Each structure stands twice: as C-alpha cells, then as structure tokens.
Amino acid sequence: MQTTVIYFGLAINWLLLIVSVLLAMFSKFKHTQFKQGLYRFLNMALIVHIVIAVMLVFSSTTISGLITLSWLVISLQLVCNIICYKSVKRRQARVKSSLDHFSMD
C-alpha cells in the first residue's frame, strides 16, 4: 500500500514538472498577471515535490534510485521557478513607469 502511494506521488511529481516546463516555455509571450499566476503555481508545485520527497525519504521501503530521482525533479522545478521569477521581475521593471518620462512643464 505504501509503495503504491509513493509511486503515485512520483507520477504526480513528473506530471507537475512537465506541466511546469510547458507553461514556463509558453509564458514567454504572456502578460504580467499570467506570469504572476504561473509563479504561484510553480511555488505550489515545488511544495508538493518537497512533501512527496520527504514522504519518500521517511518511508520504510526507500529505494536510493527513487530518492535521487526525487532530488532531480526538485532541482528541475527550482530551475523553472527561478526562470519564471526572473521573467516576472523583468516584466515588472519594464512596465513600471519612471519619472524621467514625464515633463514638468
């Protein structure tokens, strides 16, 4: 029973990672609100990855290959989060108006 839950968790991990990568790739041309929502989704996906990894580490039938695979998924999710974070910050800086553009006349 416990191994079934672990394998189901790993399947969820990979599904979330694939969705995260696809959304991050297709968000290049989207607006700031979409990217902020995507960033929140990526953070939630990272939390799910970490919870499943902790479950895997503390399970009685721990397989070292699965732990390595789980760390790989977490690191790839972190890369997606960092890319999305930089994109959101870059977009916010581009949209933010500056006083240099206004004349005082």
PDB file of N, CA and C in Angstrom:
ATOM      1  N   MET A   1       0.827  -1.194   0.000  1.00  0.00           N
ATOM      2  CA  MET A   1       0.000   0.000   0.000  1.00  0.00           C
ATOM      3  C   MET A   1       0.872   1.259   0.000  1.00  0.00           C
ATOM      4  N   GLN A   2       1.910   1.231   0.842  1.00  0.00           N
ATOM      5  CA  GLN A   2       2.764   2.409   0.944  1.00  0.00           C
ATOM      6  C   GLN A   2       3.548   2.632  -0.344  1.00  0.00           C
ATOM      7  N   THR A   3       3.986   1.559  -0.983  1.00  0.00           N
ATOM      8  CA  THR A   3       4.720   1.728  -2.235  1.00  0.00           C
ATOM      9  C   THR A   3       3.812   2.255  -3.338  1.00  0.00           C
ATOM     10  N   THR A   4       2.544   1.879  -3.306  1.00  0.00           N
ATOM     11  CA  THR A   4       1.599   2.405  -4.292  1.00  0.00           C
ATOM     12  C   THR A   4       1.445   3.912  -4.138  1.00  0.00           C
ATOM     13  N   VAL A   5       1.359   4.377  -2.897  1.00  0.00           N
ATOM     14  CA  VAL A   5       1.250   5.813  -2.638  1.00  0.00           C
ATOM     15  C   VAL A   5       2.514   6.530  -3.105  1.00  0.00           C
ATOM     16  N   ILE A   6       3.670   5.925  -2.864  1.00  0.00           N
ATOM     17  CA  ILE A   6       4.935   6.537  -3.281  1.00  0.00           C
ATOM     18  C   ILE A   6       5.018   6.620  -4.803  1.00  0.00           C
ATOM     19  N   TYR A   7       4.657   5.551  -5.486  1.00  0.00           N
ATOM     20  CA  TYR A   7       4.695   5.580  -6.951  1.00  0.00           C
ATOM     21  C   TYR A   7       3.676   6.566  -7.519  1.00  0.00           C
ATOM     22  N   PHE A   8       2.514   6.657  -6.882  1.00  0.00           N
ATOM     23  CA  PHE A   8       1.515   7.641  -7.299  1.00  0.00           C
ATOM     24  C   PHE A   8       2.057   9.058  -7.090  1.00  0.00           C
ATOM     25  N   GLY A   9       2.748   9.276  -5.967  1.00  0.00           N
ATOM     26  CA  GLY A   9       3.362  10.577  -5.702  1.00  0.00           C
ATOM     27  C   GLY A   9       4.427  10.921  -6.725  1.00  0.00           C
ATOM     28  N   LEU A  10       5.230   9.935  -7.108  1.00  0.00           N
ATOM     29  CA  LEU A  10       6.251  10.183  -8.131  1.00  0.00           C
ATOM     30  C   LEU A  10       5.623  10.497  -9.489  1.00  0.00           C
ATOM     31  N   ALA A  11       4.516   9.829  -9.794  1.00  0.00           N
ATOM     32  CA  ALA A  11       3.817  10.132 -11.047  1.00  0.00           C
ATOM     33  C   ALA A  11       3.276  11.561 -11.023  1.00  0.00           C
ATOM     34  N   ILE A  12       2.742  11.974  -9.878  1.00  0.00           N
ATOM     35  CA  ILE A  12       2.266  13.355  -9.737  1.00  0.00           C
ATOM     36  C   ILE A  12       3.433  14.329  -9.879  1.00  0.00           C
ATOM     37  N   ASN A  13       4.584  13.975  -9.292  1.00  0.00           N
ATOM     38  CA  ASN A  13       5.780  14.818  -9.417  1.00  0.00           C
ATOM     39  C   ASN A  13       6.129  15.056 -10.881  1.00  0.00           C
ATOM     40  N   TRP A  14       6.213  13.993 -11.654  1.00  0.00           N
ATOM     41  CA  TRP A  14       6.598  14.127 -13.053  1.00  0.00           C
ATOM     42  C   TRP A  14       5.544  14.873 -13.855  1.00  0.00           C
ATOM     43  N   LEU A  15       4.271  14.623 -13.560  1.00  0.00           N
ATOM     44  CA  LEU A  15       3.208  15.337 -14.261  1.00  0.00           C
ATOM     45  C   LEU A  15       3.274  16.836 -13.971  1.00  0.00           C
ATOM     46  N   LEU A  16       3.465  17.198 -12.704  1.00  0.00           N
ATOM     47  CA  LEU A  16       3.595  18.615 -12.349  1.00  0.00           C
ATOM     48  C   LEU A  16       4.820  19.245 -13.003  1.00  0.00           C
ATOM     49  N   LEU A  17       5.906  18.498 -13.061  1.00  0.00           N
ATOM     50  CA  LEU A  17       7.123  19.024 -13.682  1.00  0.00           C
ATOM     51  C   LEU A  17       6.918  19.269 -15.178  1.00  0.00           C
ATOM     52  N   ILE A  18       6.270  18.336 -15.858  1.00  0.00           N
ATOM     53  CA  ILE A  18       6.023  18.501 -17.290  1.00  0.00           C
ATOM     54  C   ILE A  18       5.115  19.704 -17.541  1.00  0.00           C
ATOM     55  N   VAL A  19       4.053  19.835 -16.738  1.00  0.00           N
ATOM     56  CA  VAL A  19       3.148  20.978 -16.882  1.00  0.00           C
ATOM     57  C   VAL A  19       3.897  22.282 -16.595  1.00  0.00           C
ATOM     58  N   SER A  20       4.749  22.276 -15.575  1.00  0.00           N
ATOM     59  CA  SER A  20       5.512  23.477 -15.226  1.00  0.00           C
ATOM     60  C   SER A  20       6.443  23.901 -16.355  1.00  0.00           C
ATOM     61  N   VAL A  21       7.143  22.943 -16.926  1.00  0.00           N
ATOM     62  CA  VAL A  21       8.075  23.263 -18.011  1.00  0.00           C
ATOM     63  C   VAL A  21       7.315  23.785 -19.228  1.00  0.00           C
ATOM     64  N   LEU A  22       6.212  23.130 -19.573  1.00  0.00           N
ATOM     65  CA  LEU A  22       5.435  23.587 -20.730  1.00  0.00           C
ATOM     66  C   LEU A  22       4.863  24.984 -20.513  1.00  0.00           C
ATOM     67  N   LEU A  23       4.311  25.236 -19.329  1.00  0.00           N
ATOM     68  CA  LEU A  23       3.770  26.567 -19.057  1.00  0.00           C
ATOM     69  C   LEU A  23       4.867  27.630 -19.040  1.00  0.00           C
ATOM     70  N   ALA A  24       6.033  27.282 -18.504  1.00  0.00           N
ATOM     71  CA  ALA A  24       7.142  28.242 -18.481  1.00  0.00           C
ATOM     72  C   ALA A  24       7.620  28.558 -19.901  1.00  0.00           C
ATOM     73  N   MET A  25       7.633  27.540 -20.774  1.00  0.00           N
ATOM     74  CA  MET A  25       8.059  27.780 -22.153  1.00  0.00           C
ATOM     75  C   MET A  25       7.042  28.624 -22.910  1.00  0.00           C
ATOM     76  N   PHE A  26       5.753  28.367 -22.706  1.00  0.00           N
ATOM     77  CA  PHE A  26       4.728  29.090 -23.447  1.00  0.00           C
ATOM     78  C   PHE A  26       4.364  30.423 -22.814  1.00  0.00           C
ATOM     79  N   SER A  27       4.928  30.739 -21.652  1.00  0.00           N
ATOM     80  CA  SER A  27       4.602  32.008 -21.000  1.00  0.00           C
ATOM     81  C   SER A  27       5.475  33.153 -21.494  1.00  0.00           C
ATOM     82  N   LYS A  28       6.339  32.888 -22.440  1.00  0.00           N
ATOM     83  CA  LYS A  28       7.265  33.910 -22.918  1.00  0.00           C
ATOM     84  C   LYS A  28       6.533  35.129 -23.477  1.00  0.00           C
ATOM     85  N   PHE A  29       5.405  34.902 -24.106  1.00  0.00           N
ATOM     86  CA  PHE A  29       4.691  35.991 -24.764  1.00  0.00           C
ATOM     87  C   PHE A  29       3.451  36.427 -23.991  1.00  0.00           C
ATOM     88  N   LYS A  30       3.316  35.998 -22.755  1.00  0.00           N
ATOM     89  CA  LYS A  30       2.119  36.325 -21.968  1.00  0.00           C
ATOM     90  C   LYS A  30       2.350  37.581 -21.146  1.00  0.00           C
ATOM     91  N   HIS A  31       1.262  38.099 -20.583  1.00  0.00           N
ATOM     92  CA  HIS A  31       1.331  39.338 -19.820  1.00  0.00           C
ATOM     93  C   HIS A  31       1.737  39.074 -18.369  1.00  0.00           C
ATOM     94  N   THR A  32       1.918  40.127 -17.622  1.00  0.00           N
ATOM     95  CA  THR A  32       2.465  40.049 -16.268  1.00  0.00           C
ATOM     96  C   THR A  32       1.557  39.288 -15.319  1.00  0.00           C
ATOM     97  N   GLN A  33       0.246  39.479 -15.417  1.00  0.00           N
ATOM     98  CA  GLN A  33      -0.664  38.784 -14.499  1.00  0.00           C
ATOM     99  C   GLN A  33      -0.597  37.278 -14.698  1.00  0.00           C
ATOM    100  N   PHE A  34      -0.483  36.827 -15.938  1.00  0.00           N
ATOM    101  CA  PHE A  34      -0.351  35.396 -16.198  1.00  0.00           C
ATOM    102  C   PHE A  34       0.933  34.862 -15.582  1.00  0.00           C
ATOM    103  N   LYS A  35       2.011  35.614 -15.736  1.00  0.00           N
ATOM    104  CA  LYS A  35       3.290  35.160 -15.195  1.00  0.00           C
ATOM    105  C   LYS A  35       3.276  35.129 -13.672  1.00  0.00           C
ATOM    106  N   GLN A  36       2.578  36.069 -13.039  1.00  0.00           N
ATOM    107  CA  GLN A  36       2.477  36.046 -11.584  1.00  0.00           C
ATOM    108  C   GLN A  36       1.664  34.843 -11.121  1.00  0.00           C
ATOM    109  N   GLY A  37       0.588  34.529 -11.829  1.00  0.00           N
ATOM    110  CA  GLY A  37      -0.194  33.333 -11.512  1.00  0.00           C
ATOM    111  C   GLY A  37       0.615  32.067 -11.733  1.00  0.00           C
ATOM    112  N   LEU A  38       1.397  32.053 -12.803  1.00  0.00           N
ATOM    113  CA  LEU A  38       2.264  30.911 -13.075  1.00  0.00           C
ATOM    114  C   LEU A  38       3.301  30.750 -11.973  1.00  0.00           C
ATOM    115  N   TYR A  39       3.838  31.852 -11.492  1.00  0.00           N
ATOM    116  CA  TYR A  39       4.832  31.786 -10.417  1.00  0.00           C
ATOM    117  C   TYR A  39       4.216  31.202  -9.146  1.00  0.00           C
ATOM    118  N   ARG A  40       2.974  31.588  -8.834  1.00  0.00           N
ATOM    119  CA  ARG A  40       2.294  30.998  -7.674  1.00  0.00           C
ATOM    120  C   ARG A  40       2.073  29.503  -7.875  1.00  0.00           C
ATOM    121  N   PHE A  41       1.689  29.099  -9.086  1.00  0.00           N
ATOM    122  CA  PHE A  41       1.510  27.678  -9.387  1.00  0.00           C
ATOM    123  C   PHE A  41       2.825  26.922  -9.237  1.00  0.00           C
ATOM    124  N   LEU A  42       3.907  27.493  -9.734  1.00  0.00           N
ATOM    125  CA  LEU A  42       5.207  26.832  -9.638  1.00  0.00           C
ATOM    126  C   LEU A  42       5.652  26.687  -8.189  1.00  0.00           C
ATOM    127  N   ASN A  43       5.360  27.680  -7.360  1.00  0.00           N
ATOM    128  CA  ASN A  43       5.694  27.569  -5.941  1.00  0.00           C
ATOM    129  C   ASN A  43       4.899  26.451  -5.275  1.00  0.00           C
ATOM    130  N   MET A  44       3.616  26.334  -5.617  1.00  0.00           N
ATOM    131  CA  MET A  44       2.803  25.250  -5.049  1.00  0.00           C
ATOM    132  C   MET A  44       3.305  23.891  -5.532  1.00  0.00           C
ATOM    133  N   ALA A  45       3.696  23.807  -6.798  1.00  0.00           N
ATOM    134  CA  ALA A  45       4.236  22.554  -7.325  1.00  0.00           C
ATOM    135  C   ALA A  45       5.528  22.188  -6.605  1.00  0.00           C
ATOM    136  N   LEU A  46       6.354  23.177  -6.303  1.00  0.00           N
ATOM    137  CA  LEU A  46       7.592  22.913  -5.569  1.00  0.00           C
ATOM    138  C   LEU A  46       7.296  22.384  -4.172  1.00  0.00           C
ATOM    139  N   ILE A  47       6.290  22.936  -3.517  1.00  0.00           N
ATOM    140  CA  ILE A  47       5.910  22.449  -2.187  1.00  0.00           C
ATOM    141  C   ILE A  47       5.438  21.005  -2.269  1.00  0.00           C
ATOM    142  N   VAL A  48       4.651  20.677  -3.290  1.00  0.00           N
ATOM    143  CA  VAL A  48       4.194  19.292  -3.467  1.00  0.00           C
ATOM    144  C   VAL A  48       5.381  18.373  -3.694  1.00  0.00           C
ATOM    145  N   HIS A  49       6.345  18.792  -4.503  1.00  0.00           N
ATOM    146  CA  HIS A  49       7.540  17.982  -4.745  1.00  0.00           C
ATOM    147  C   HIS A  49       8.299  17.716  -3.445  1.00  0.00           C
ATOM    148  N   ILE A  50       8.441  18.734  -2.636  1.00  0.00           N
ATOM    149  CA  ILE A  50       9.187  18.580  -1.384  1.00  0.00           C
ATOM    150  C   ILE A  50       8.449  17.657  -0.423  1.00  0.00           C
ATOM    151  N   VAL A  51       7.133  17.788  -0.333  1.00  0.00           N
ATOM    152  CA  VAL A  51       6.350  16.913   0.554  1.00  0.00           C
ATOM    153  C   VAL A  51       6.471  15.461   0.115  1.00  0.00           C
ATOM    154  N   ILE A  52       6.378  15.214  -1.172  1.00  0.00           N
ATOM    155  CA  ILE A  52       6.492  13.839  -1.666  1.00  0.00           C
ATOM    156  C   ILE A  52       7.903  13.308  -1.453  1.00  0.00           C
ATOM    157  N   ALA A  53       8.914  14.150  -1.602  1.00  0.00           N
ATOM    158  CA  ALA A  53      10.292  13.715  -1.353  1.00  0.00           C
ATOM    159  C   ALA A  53      10.494  13.359   0.113  1.00  0.00           C
ATOM    160  N   VAL A  54       9.916  14.136   1.013  1.00  0.00           N
ATOM    161  CA  VAL A  54      10.026  13.827   2.445  1.00  0.00           C
ATOM    162  C   VAL A  54       9.311  12.516   2.752  1.00  0.00           C
ATOM    163  N   MET A  55       8.134  12.310   2.145  1.00  0.00           N
ATOM    164  CA  MET A  55       7.434  11.030   2.328  1.00  0.00           C
ATOM    165  C   MET A  55       8.293   9.878   1.839  1.00  0.00           C
ATOM    166  N   LEU A  56       8.971  10.076   0.734  1.00  0.00           N
ATOM    167  CA  LEU A  56       9.816   9.033   0.167  1.00  0.00           C
ATOM    168  C   LEU A  56      11.006   8.733   1.068  1.00  0.00           C
ATOM    169  N   VAL A  57      11.609   9.763   1.627  1.00  0.00           N
ATOM    170  CA  VAL A  57      12.778   9.564   2.490  1.00  0.00           C
ATOM    171  C   VAL A  57      12.400   8.808   3.760  1.00  0.00           C
ATOM    172  N   PHE A  58      11.236   9.128   4.330  1.00  0.00           N
ATOM    173  CA  PHE A  58      10.840   8.507   5.584  1.00  0.00           C
ATOM    174  C   PHE A  58      10.026   7.230   5.413  1.00  0.00           C
ATOM    175  N   SER A  59       9.855   6.758   4.194  1.00  0.00           N
ATOM    176  CA  SER A  59       9.113   5.511   4.001  1.00  0.00           C
ATOM    177  C   SER A  59       9.999   4.327   4.369  1.00  0.00           C
ATOM    178  N   SER A  60       9.354   3.219   4.690  1.00  0.00           N
ATOM    179  CA  SER A  60      10.112   2.044   5.120  1.00  0.00           C
ATOM    180  C   SER A  60      10.746   1.320   3.940  1.00  0.00           C
ATOM    181  N   THR A  61      10.223   1.505   2.747  1.00  0.00           N
ATOM    182  CA  THR A  61      10.756   0.825   1.566  1.00  0.00           C
ATOM    183  C   THR A  61      11.481   1.816   0.660  1.00  0.00           C
ATOM    184  N   THR A  62      12.410   2.536   1.223  1.00  0.00           N
ATOM    185  CA  THR A  62      13.127   3.559   0.475  1.00  0.00           C
ATOM    186  C   THR A  62      14.106   2.915  -0.497  1.00  0.00           C
ATOM    187  N   ILE A  63      14.056   3.351  -1.725  1.00  0.00           N
ATOM    188  CA  ILE A  63      14.985   2.907  -2.759  1.00  0.00           C
ATOM    189  C   ILE A  63      15.840   4.116  -3.123  1.00  0.00           C
ATOM    190  N   SER A  64      17.145   3.939  -3.103  1.00  0.00           N
ATOM    191  CA  SER A  64      18.037   5.083  -3.308  1.00  0.00           C
ATOM    192  C   SER A  64      17.861   5.714  -4.686  1.00  0.00           C
ATOM    193  N   GLY A  65      17.522   4.925  -5.681  1.00  0.00           N
ATOM    194  CA  GLY A  65      17.301   5.475  -7.017  1.00  0.00           C
ATOM    195  C   GLY A  65      16.111   6.414  -7.054  1.00  0.00           C
ATOM    196  N   LEU A  66      15.083   6.104  -6.266  1.00  0.00           N
ATOM    197  CA  LEU A  66      13.904   6.964  -6.222  1.00  0.00           C
ATOM    198  C   LEU A  66      14.209   8.279  -5.517  1.00  0.00           C
ATOM    199  N   ILE A  67      15.067   8.222  -4.509  1.00  0.00           N
ATOM    200  CA  ILE A  67      15.445   9.457  -3.815  1.00  0.00           C
ATOM    201  C   ILE A  67      16.240  10.359  -4.760  1.00  0.00           C
ATOM    202  N   THR A  68      17.152   9.773  -5.516  1.00  0.00           N
ATOM    203  CA  THR A  68      17.917  10.543  -6.494  1.00  0.00           C
ATOM    204  C   THR A  68      16.993  11.141  -7.551  1.00  0.00           C
ATOM    205  N   LEU A  69      16.029  10.359  -7.995  1.00  0.00           N
ATOM    206  CA  LEU A  69      15.055  10.842  -8.970  1.00  0.00           C
ATOM    207  C   LEU A  69      14.231  11.986  -8.399  1.00  0.00           C
ATOM    208  N   SER A  70      13.881  11.873  -7.136  1.00  0.00           N
ATOM    209  CA  SER A  70      13.105  12.925  -6.483  1.00  0.00           C
ATOM    210  C   SER A  70      13.921  14.216  -6.376  1.00  0.00           C
ATOM    211  N   TRP A  71      15.203  14.111  -6.051  1.00  0.00           N
ATOM    212  CA  TRP A  71      16.061  15.299  -5.996  1.00  0.00           C
ATOM    213  C   TRP A  71      16.211  15.921  -7.379  1.00  0.00           C
ATOM    214  N   LEU A  72      16.257  15.098  -8.406  1.00  0.00           N
ATOM    215  CA  LEU A  72      16.335  15.608  -9.773  1.00  0.00           C
ATOM    216  C   LEU A  72      15.080  16.405 -10.121  1.00  0.00           C
ATOM    217  N   VAL A  73      13.921  15.875  -9.757  1.00  0.00           N
ATOM    218  CA  VAL A  73      12.662  16.577 -10.030  1.00  0.00           C
ATOM    219  C   VAL A  73      12.621  17.907  -9.282  1.00  0.00           C
ATOM    220  N   ILE A  74      13.046  17.903  -8.020  1.00  0.00           N
ATOM    221  CA  ILE A  74      13.044  19.139  -7.230  1.00  0.00           C
ATOM    222  C   ILE A  74      13.993  20.169  -7.842  1.00  0.00           C
ATOM    223  N   SER A  75      15.162  19.732  -8.274  1.00  0.00           N
ATOM    224  CA  SER A  75      16.111  20.689  -8.857  1.00  0.00           C
ATOM    225  C   SER A  75      15.589  21.249 -10.182  1.00  0.00           C
ATOM    226  N   LEU A  76      14.950  20.429 -10.997  1.00  0.00           N
ATOM    227  CA  LEU A  76      14.372  20.936 -12.243  1.00  0.00           C
ATOM    228  C   LEU A  76      13.226  21.901 -11.972  1.00  0.00           C
ATOM    229  N   GLN A  77      12.435  21.617 -10.931  1.00  0.00           N
ATOM    230  CA  GLN A  77      11.348  22.525 -10.570  1.00  0.00           C
ATOM    231  C   GLN A  77      11.915  23.856 -10.072  1.00  0.00           C
ATOM    232  N   LEU A  78      13.007  23.804  -9.320  1.00  0.00           N
ATOM    233  CA  LEU A  78      13.654  25.038  -8.869  1.00  0.00           C
ATOM    234  C   LEU A  78      14.151  25.870 -10.053  1.00  0.00           C
ATOM    235  N   VAL A  79      14.677  25.214 -11.063  1.00  0.00           N
ATOM    236  CA  VAL A  79      15.124  25.934 -12.260  1.00  0.00           C
ATOM    237  C   VAL A  79      13.939  26.626 -12.932  1.00  0.00           C
ATOM    238  N   CYS A  80      12.802  25.923 -13.031  1.00  0.00           N
ATOM    239  CA  CYS A  80      11.591  26.548 -13.607  1.00  0.00           C
ATOM    240  C   CYS A  80      11.159  27.746 -12.773  1.00  0.00           C
ATOM    241  N   ASN A  81      11.200  27.608 -11.445  1.00  0.00           N
ATOM    242  CA  ASN A  81      10.799  28.707 -10.566  1.00  0.00           C
ATOM    243  C   ASN A  81      11.710  29.916 -10.738  1.00  0.00           C
ATOM    244  N   ILE A  82      12.999  29.689 -10.826  1.00  0.00           N
ATOM    245  CA  ILE A  82      13.953  30.791 -10.966  1.00  0.00           C
ATOM    246  C   ILE A  82      13.764  31.497 -12.308  1.00  0.00           C
ATOM    247  N   ILE A  83      13.563  30.733 -13.365  1.00  0.00           N
ATOM    248  CA  ILE A  83      13.342  31.335 -14.685  1.00  0.00           C
ATOM    249  C   ILE A  83      12.076  32.178 -14.683  1.00  0.00           C
ATOM    250  N   CYS A  84      11.011  31.652 -14.086  1.00  0.00           N
ATOM    251  CA  CYS A  84       9.752  32.398 -14.037  1.00  0.00           C
ATOM    252  C   CYS A  84       9.888  33.634 -13.149  1.00  0.00           C
ATOM    253  N   TYR A  85      10.601  33.518 -12.037  1.00  0.00           N
ATOM    254  CA  TYR A  85      10.799  34.658 -11.138  1.00  0.00           C
ATOM    255  C   TYR A  85      11.542  35.784 -11.852  1.00  0.00           C
ATOM    256  N   LYS A  86      12.601  35.428 -12.565  1.00  0.00           N
ATOM    257  CA  LYS A  86      13.357  36.446 -13.305  1.00  0.00           C
ATOM    258  C   LYS A  86      12.501  37.083 -14.392  1.00  0.00           C
ATOM    259  N   SER A  87      11.681  36.290 -15.036  1.00  0.00           N
ATOM    260  CA  SER A  87      10.806  36.814 -16.079  1.00  0.00           C
ATOM    261  C   SER A  87       9.776  37.777 -15.506  1.00  0.00           C
ATOM    262  N   VAL A  88       9.202  37.428 -14.348  1.00  0.00           N
ATOM    263  CA  VAL A  88       8.220  38.308 -13.705  1.00  0.00           C
ATOM    264  C   VAL A  88       8.884  39.611 -13.286  1.00  0.00           C
ATOM    265  N   LYS A  89      10.052  39.541 -12.685  1.00  0.00           N
ATOM    266  CA  LYS A  89      10.741  40.757 -12.244  1.00  0.00           C
ATOM    267  C   LYS A  89      11.146  41.624 -13.428  1.00  0.00           C
ATOM    268  N   ARG A  90      11.583  41.004 -14.508  1.00  0.00           N
ATOM    269  CA  ARG A  90      11.956  41.759 -15.701  1.00  0.00           C
ATOM    270  C   ARG A  90      10.731  42.444 -16.297  1.00  0.00           C
ATOM    271  N   ARG A  91       9.608  41.734 -16.326  1.00  0.00           N
ATOM    272  CA  ARG A  91       8.377  42.304 -16.880  1.00  0.00           C
ATOM    273  C   ARG A  91       7.866  43.436 -16.006  1.00  0.00           C
ATOM    274  N   GLN A  92       7.949  43.274 -14.679  1.00  0.00           N
ATOM    275  CA  GLN A  92       7.502  44.336 -13.778  1.00  0.00           C
ATOM    276  C   GLN A  92       8.385  45.570 -13.918  1.00  0.00           C
ATOM    277  N   ALA A  93       9.682  45.383 -14.095  1.00  0.00           N
ATOM    278  CA  ALA A  93      10.592  46.518 -14.259  1.00  0.00           C
ATOM    279  C   ALA A  93      10.326  47.233 -15.582  1.00  0.00           C
ATOM    280  N   ARG A  94       9.945  46.491 -16.592  1.00  0.00           N
ATOM    281  CA  ARG A  94       9.673  47.084 -17.894  1.00  0.00           C
ATOM    282  C   ARG A  94       8.371  47.882 -17.871  1.00  0.00           C
ATOM    283  N   VAL A  95       7.388  47.407 -17.119  1.00  0.00           N
ATOM    284  CA  VAL A  95       6.079  48.057 -17.071  1.00  0.00           C
ATOM    285  C   VAL A  95       6.095  49.263 -16.149  1.00  0.00           C
ATOM    286  N   LYS A  96       6.914  49.229 -15.097  1.00  0.00           N
ATOM    287  CA  LYS A  96       6.951  50.298 -14.106  1.00  0.00           C
ATOM    288  C   LYS A  96       7.352  51.613 -14.771  1.00  0.00           C
ATOM    289  N   SER A  97       6.553  52.635 -14.555  1.00  0.00           N
ATOM    290  CA  SER A  97       6.856  53.922 -15.175  1.00  0.00           C
ATOM    291  C   SER A  97       7.891  54.673 -14.345  1.00  0.00           C
ATOM    292  N   SER A  98       8.593  55.503 -15.017  1.00  0.00           N
ATOM    293  CA  SER A  98       9.642  56.285 -14.381  1.00  0.00           C
ATOM    294  C   SER A  98       9.288  57.761 -14.479  1.00  0.00           C
ATOM    295  N   LEU A  99       9.765  58.541 -13.535  1.00  0.00           N
ATOM    296  CA  LEU A  99       9.518  59.980 -13.570  1.00  0.00           C
ATOM    297  C   LEU A  99      10.314  60.670 -14.671  1.00  0.00           C
ATOM    298  N   ASP A 100      11.288  59.992 -15.234  1.00  0.00           N
ATOM    299  CA  ASP A 100      12.080  60.579 -16.309  1.00  0.00           C
ATOM    300  C   ASP A 100      11.256  60.793 -17.579  1.00  0.00           C
ATOM    301  N   HIS A 101      10.174  60.037 -17.723  1.00  0.00           N
ATOM    302  CA  HIS A 101       9.376  60.119 -18.937  1.00  0.00           C
ATOM    303  C   HIS A 101       8.353  61.255 -18.896  1.00  0.00           C
ATOM    304  N   PHE A 102       8.172  61.873 -17.760  1.00  0.00           N
ATOM    305  CA  PHE A 102       7.180  62.931 -17.628  1.00  0.00           C
ATOM    306  C   PHE A 102       7.875  64.290 -17.591  1.00  0.00           C
ATOM    307  N   SER A 103       7.282  65.238 -18.254  1.00  0.00           N
ATOM    308  CA  SER A 103       7.855  66.588 -18.207  1.00  0.00           C
ATOM    309  C   SER A 103       7.135  67.391 -17.135  1.00  0.00           C
ATOM    310  N   MET A 104       7.812  68.331 -16.584  1.00  0.00           N
ATOM    311  CA  MET A 104       7.242  69.149 -15.509  1.00  0.00           C
ATOM    312  C   MET A 104       6.684  70.470 -16.046  1.00  0.00           C
ATOM    313  N   ASP A 105       6.523  70.601 -17.348  1.00  0.00           N
ATOM    314  CA  ASP A 105       6.024  71.853 -17.941  1.00  0.00           C
ATOM    315  C   ASP A 105       4.575  72.068 -17.652  1.00  0.00           C
TER     316      ASP A 105
END
